[in-house]
Amino acid sequence: DRIGEAKASGNLGNTLKILGRFEEAIVCCQRHLDISREQGDKVGEARALYNIGNVYHAKGKQLSWSMANVPGDLPEEDKEPLQKATDFYERNLSLVKELGDRAAQGRAYGNLGNTHYLLGNF
């Protein structure tokens, strides 16, 4: 079924993220998002937005490890994945607020804080 396909795509994306295969992970997580929206699955949509944010966050964090010890002291092109992560986390937060999922709101706020820290926004 399509919901199962969406979940499987999301799981594969999460696995690829852990392996550092970020571009492939984004494709899988985007597929999860697309199918969830097609099916009207708001919970799946929220998870997909969160997972895409996590992929961009992991990519940005990896770039920041190789560059600077000072948060925010990154070249602009290395900040791009972190800025994208922020965008996806904010979209996730908006949706989980609409759904009334307080635990998911807490996770989104935590990840937004971590991402803004890496960007030097504090």
C-alpha atoms as a PDB file:
ATOM      1  CA  ASP A   1       0.000   0.000   0.000  1.00  0.00           C
ATOM      2  CA  ARG A   2       1.056   3.620  -0.490  1.00  0.00           C
ATOM      3  CA  ILE A   3       1.318   4.473   3.220  1.00  0.00           C
ATOM      4  CA  GLY A   4       3.614   1.475   3.720  1.00  0.00           C
ATOM      5  CA  GLU A   5       5.671   2.577   0.734  1.00  0.00           C
ATOM      6  CA  ALA A   6       5.977   6.053   2.265  1.00  0.00           C
ATOM      7  CA  LYS A   7       7.130   4.625   5.604  1.00  0.00           C
ATOM      8  CA  ALA A   8       9.630   2.326   3.891  1.00  0.00           C
ATOM      9  CA  SER A   9      11.034   5.259   1.927  1.00  0.00           C
ATOM     10  CA  GLY A  10      11.402   7.221   5.154  1.00  0.00           C
ATOM     11  CA  ASN A  11      13.150   4.312   6.887  1.00  0.00           C
ATOM     12  CA  LEU A  12      15.543   3.917   3.967  1.00  0.00           C
ATOM     13  CA  GLY A  13      16.230   7.655   4.059  1.00  0.00           C
ATOM     14  CA  ASN A  14      17.071   7.477   7.759  1.00  0.00           C
ATOM     15  CA  THR A  15      19.441   4.575   7.136  1.00  0.00           C
ATOM     16  CA  LEU A  16      21.161   6.397   4.276  1.00  0.00           C
ATOM     17  CA  LYS A  17      21.566   9.448   6.513  1.00  0.00           C
ATOM     18  CA  ILE A  18      23.397   7.350   9.104  1.00  0.00           C
ATOM     19  CA  LEU A  19      25.682   6.065   6.340  1.00  0.00           C
ATOM     20  CA  GLY A  20      26.478   9.651   5.320  1.00  0.00           C
ATOM     21  CA  ARG A  21      24.757   9.270   1.941  1.00  0.00           C
ATOM     22  CA  PHE A  22      22.871  12.522   2.365  1.00  0.00           C
ATOM     23  CA  GLU A  23      21.694  13.193  -1.184  1.00  0.00           C
ATOM     24  CA  GLU A  24      20.211   9.706  -1.510  1.00  0.00           C
ATOM     25  CA  ALA A  25      18.628  10.099   1.933  1.00  0.00           C
ATOM     26  CA  ILE A  26      16.953  13.336   0.870  1.00  0.00           C
ATOM     27  CA  VAL A  27      15.467  11.646  -2.205  1.00  0.00           C
ATOM     28  CA  CYS A  28      13.960   8.877  -0.058  1.00  0.00           C
ATOM     29  CA  CYS A  29      12.650  11.260   2.588  1.00  0.00           C
ATOM     30  CA  GLN A  30      11.181  13.508  -0.101  1.00  0.00           C
ATOM     31  CA  ARG A  31       9.375  10.467  -1.515  1.00  0.00           C
ATOM     32  CA  HIS A  32       7.988   9.810   1.973  1.00  0.00           C
ATOM     33  CA  LEU A  33       6.777  13.431   2.077  1.00  0.00           C
ATOM     34  CA  ASP A  34       5.244  13.318  -1.407  1.00  0.00           C
ATOM     35  CA  ILE A  35       3.324  10.090  -0.781  1.00  0.00           C
ATOM     36  CA  SER A  36       2.154  11.250   2.644  1.00  0.00           C
ATOM     37  CA  ARG A  37       0.756  14.432   1.126  1.00  0.00           C
ATOM     38  CA  GLU A  38      -0.830  12.487  -1.741  1.00  0.00           C
ATOM     39  CA  GLN A  39      -2.562  10.211   0.783  1.00  0.00           C
ATOM     40  CA  GLY A  40      -3.578  13.036   3.122  1.00  0.00           C
ATOM     41  CA  ASP A  41      -1.470  11.489   5.906  1.00  0.00           C
ATOM     42  CA  LYS A  42      -0.645  14.490   8.105  1.00  0.00           C
ATOM     43  CA  VAL A  43       1.285  12.438  10.664  1.00  0.00           C
ATOM     44  CA  GLY A  44       3.410  10.907   7.901  1.00  0.00           C
ATOM     45  CA  GLU A  45       3.909  14.349   6.387  1.00  0.00           C
ATOM     46  CA  ALA A  46       5.121  15.697   9.734  1.00  0.00           C
ATOM     47  CA  ARG A  47       7.539  12.781  10.150  1.00  0.00           C
ATOM     48  CA  ALA A  48       8.883  13.247   6.631  1.00  0.00           C
ATOM     49  CA  LEU A  49       9.465  16.977   7.188  1.00  0.00           C
ATOM     50  CA  TYR A  50      11.273  16.166  10.433  1.00  0.00           C
ATOM     51  CA  ASN A  51      13.390  13.489   8.768  1.00  0.00           C
ATOM     52  CA  ILE A  52      14.391  15.768   5.882  1.00  0.00           C
ATOM     53  CA  GLY A  53      15.396  18.345   8.477  1.00  0.00           C
ATOM     54  CA  ASN A  54      17.476  15.671  10.221  1.00  0.00           C
ATOM     55  CA  VAL A  55      19.289  14.790   6.988  1.00  0.00           C
ATOM     56  CA  TYR A  56      20.192  18.413   6.307  1.00  0.00           C
ATOM     57  CA  HIS A  57      21.180  18.868   9.965  1.00  0.00           C
ATOM     58  CA  ALA A  58      23.477  15.820   9.842  1.00  0.00           C
ATOM     59  CA  LYS A  59      25.050  17.037   6.601  1.00  0.00           C
ATOM     60  CA  GLY A  60      25.611  20.510   8.051  1.00  0.00           C
ATOM     61  CA  LYS A  61      26.956  19.110  11.304  1.00  0.00           C
ATOM     62  CA  GLN A  62      29.426  16.947   9.396  1.00  0.00           C
ATOM     63  CA  LEU A  63      30.631  20.004   7.451  1.00  0.00           C
ATOM     64  CA  SER A  64      30.952  22.015  10.672  1.00  0.00           C
ATOM     65  CA  TRP A  65      33.151  19.311  12.285  1.00  0.00           C
ATOM     66  CA  SER A  66      35.694  19.665   9.524  1.00  0.00           C
ATOM     67  CA  MET A  67      35.774  23.462   9.652  1.00  0.00           C
ATOM     68  CA  ALA A  68      35.422  25.352  12.877  1.00  0.00           C
ATOM     69  CA  ASN A  69      35.275  25.022  16.609  1.00  0.00           C
ATOM     70  CA  VAL A  70      33.315  28.265  16.872  1.00  0.00           C
ATOM     71  CA  PRO A  71      29.568  27.915  16.180  1.00  0.00           C
ATOM     72  CA  GLY A  72      28.555  29.934  13.149  1.00  0.00           C
ATOM     73  CA  ASP A  73      32.129  30.321  11.882  1.00  0.00           C
ATOM     74  CA  LEU A  74      31.400  28.471   8.642  1.00  0.00           C
ATOM     75  CA  PRO A  75      31.627  29.432   4.978  1.00  0.00           C
ATOM     76  CA  GLU A  76      28.232  30.414   3.573  1.00  0.00           C
ATOM     77  CA  GLU A  77      27.999  27.299   1.378  1.00  0.00           C
ATOM     78  CA  ASP A  78      28.502  25.121   4.473  1.00  0.00           C
ATOM     79  CA  LYS A  79      25.683  26.954   6.281  1.00  0.00           C
ATOM     80  CA  GLU A  80      23.210  26.113   3.507  1.00  0.00           C
ATOM     81  CA  PRO A  81      22.296  22.600   4.756  1.00  0.00           C
ATOM     82  CA  LEU A  82      21.772  23.958   8.273  1.00  0.00           C
ATOM     83  CA  GLN A  83      19.527  26.713   6.947  1.00  0.00           C
ATOM     84  CA  LYS A  84      17.530  24.094   5.016  1.00  0.00           C
ATOM     85  CA  ALA A  85      17.282  21.994   8.183  1.00  0.00           C
ATOM     86  CA  THR A  86      15.838  25.007   9.980  1.00  0.00           C
ATOM     87  CA  ASP A  87      13.244  25.465   7.241  1.00  0.00           C
ATOM     88  CA  PHE A  88      12.109  21.837   7.413  1.00  0.00           C
ATOM     89  CA  TYR A  89      12.045  21.834  11.234  1.00  0.00           C
ATOM     90  CA  GLU A  90       9.896  24.986  11.203  1.00  0.00           C
ATOM     91  CA  ARG A  91       7.487  23.409   8.708  1.00  0.00           C
ATOM     92  CA  ASN A  92       7.371  20.285  10.887  1.00  0.00           C
ATOM     93  CA  LEU A  93       6.730  22.397  13.988  1.00  0.00           C
ATOM     94  CA  SER A  94       3.837  24.191  12.341  1.00  0.00           C
ATOM     95  CA  LEU A  95       2.217  20.895  11.375  1.00  0.00           C
ATOM     96  CA  VAL A  96       2.727  19.132  14.719  1.00  0.00           C
ATOM     97  CA  LYS A  97       1.233  22.162  16.489  1.00  0.00           C
ATOM     98  CA  GLU A  98      -1.801  21.793  14.230  1.00  0.00           C
ATOM     99  CA  LEU A  99      -1.941  18.088  15.129  1.00  0.00           C
ATOM    100  CA  GLY A 100      -1.536  18.814  18.852  1.00  0.00           C
ATOM    101  CA  ASP A 101       1.485  16.516  19.197  1.00  0.00           C
ATOM    102  CA  ARG A 102       3.357  18.024  22.146  1.00  0.00           C
ATOM    103  CA  ALA A 103       6.197  15.474  22.133  1.00  0.00           C
ATOM    104  CA  ALA A 104       6.895  16.182  18.459  1.00  0.00           C
ATOM    105  CA  GLN A 105       6.794  19.912  19.208  1.00  0.00           C
ATOM    106  CA  GLY A 106       9.486  19.397  21.859  1.00  0.00           C
ATOM    107  CA  ARG A 107      11.684  17.484  19.426  1.00  0.00           C
ATOM    108  CA  ALA A 108      11.252  20.183  16.780  1.00  0.00           C
ATOM    109  CA  TYR A 109      12.136  22.959  19.228  1.00  0.00           C
ATOM    110  CA  GLY A 110      15.190  21.015  20.408  1.00  0.00           C
ATOM    111  CA  ASN A 111      16.455  20.436  16.888  1.00  0.00           C
ATOM    112  CA  LEU A 112      15.785  24.045  15.919  1.00  0.00           C
ATOM    113  CA  GLY A 113      17.873  25.108  18.913  1.00  0.00           C
ATOM    114  CA  ASN A 114      20.723  22.780  17.997  1.00  0.00           C
ATOM    115  CA  THR A 115      20.673  23.938  14.376  1.00  0.00           C
ATOM    116  CA  HIS A 116      20.598  27.617  15.277  1.00  0.00           C
ATOM    117  CA  TYR A 117      23.521  26.985  17.648  1.00  0.00           C
ATOM    118  CA  LEU A 118      25.618  25.522  14.817  1.00  0.00           C
ATOM    119  CA  LEU A 119      24.689  28.539  12.683  1.00  0.00           C
ATOM    120  CA  GLY A 120      25.819  30.866  15.463  1.00  0.00           C
ATOM    121  CA  ASN A 121      22.306  32.257  15.985  1.00  0.00           C
ATOM    122  CA  PHE A 122      22.270  32.749  19.738  1.00  0.00           C
END
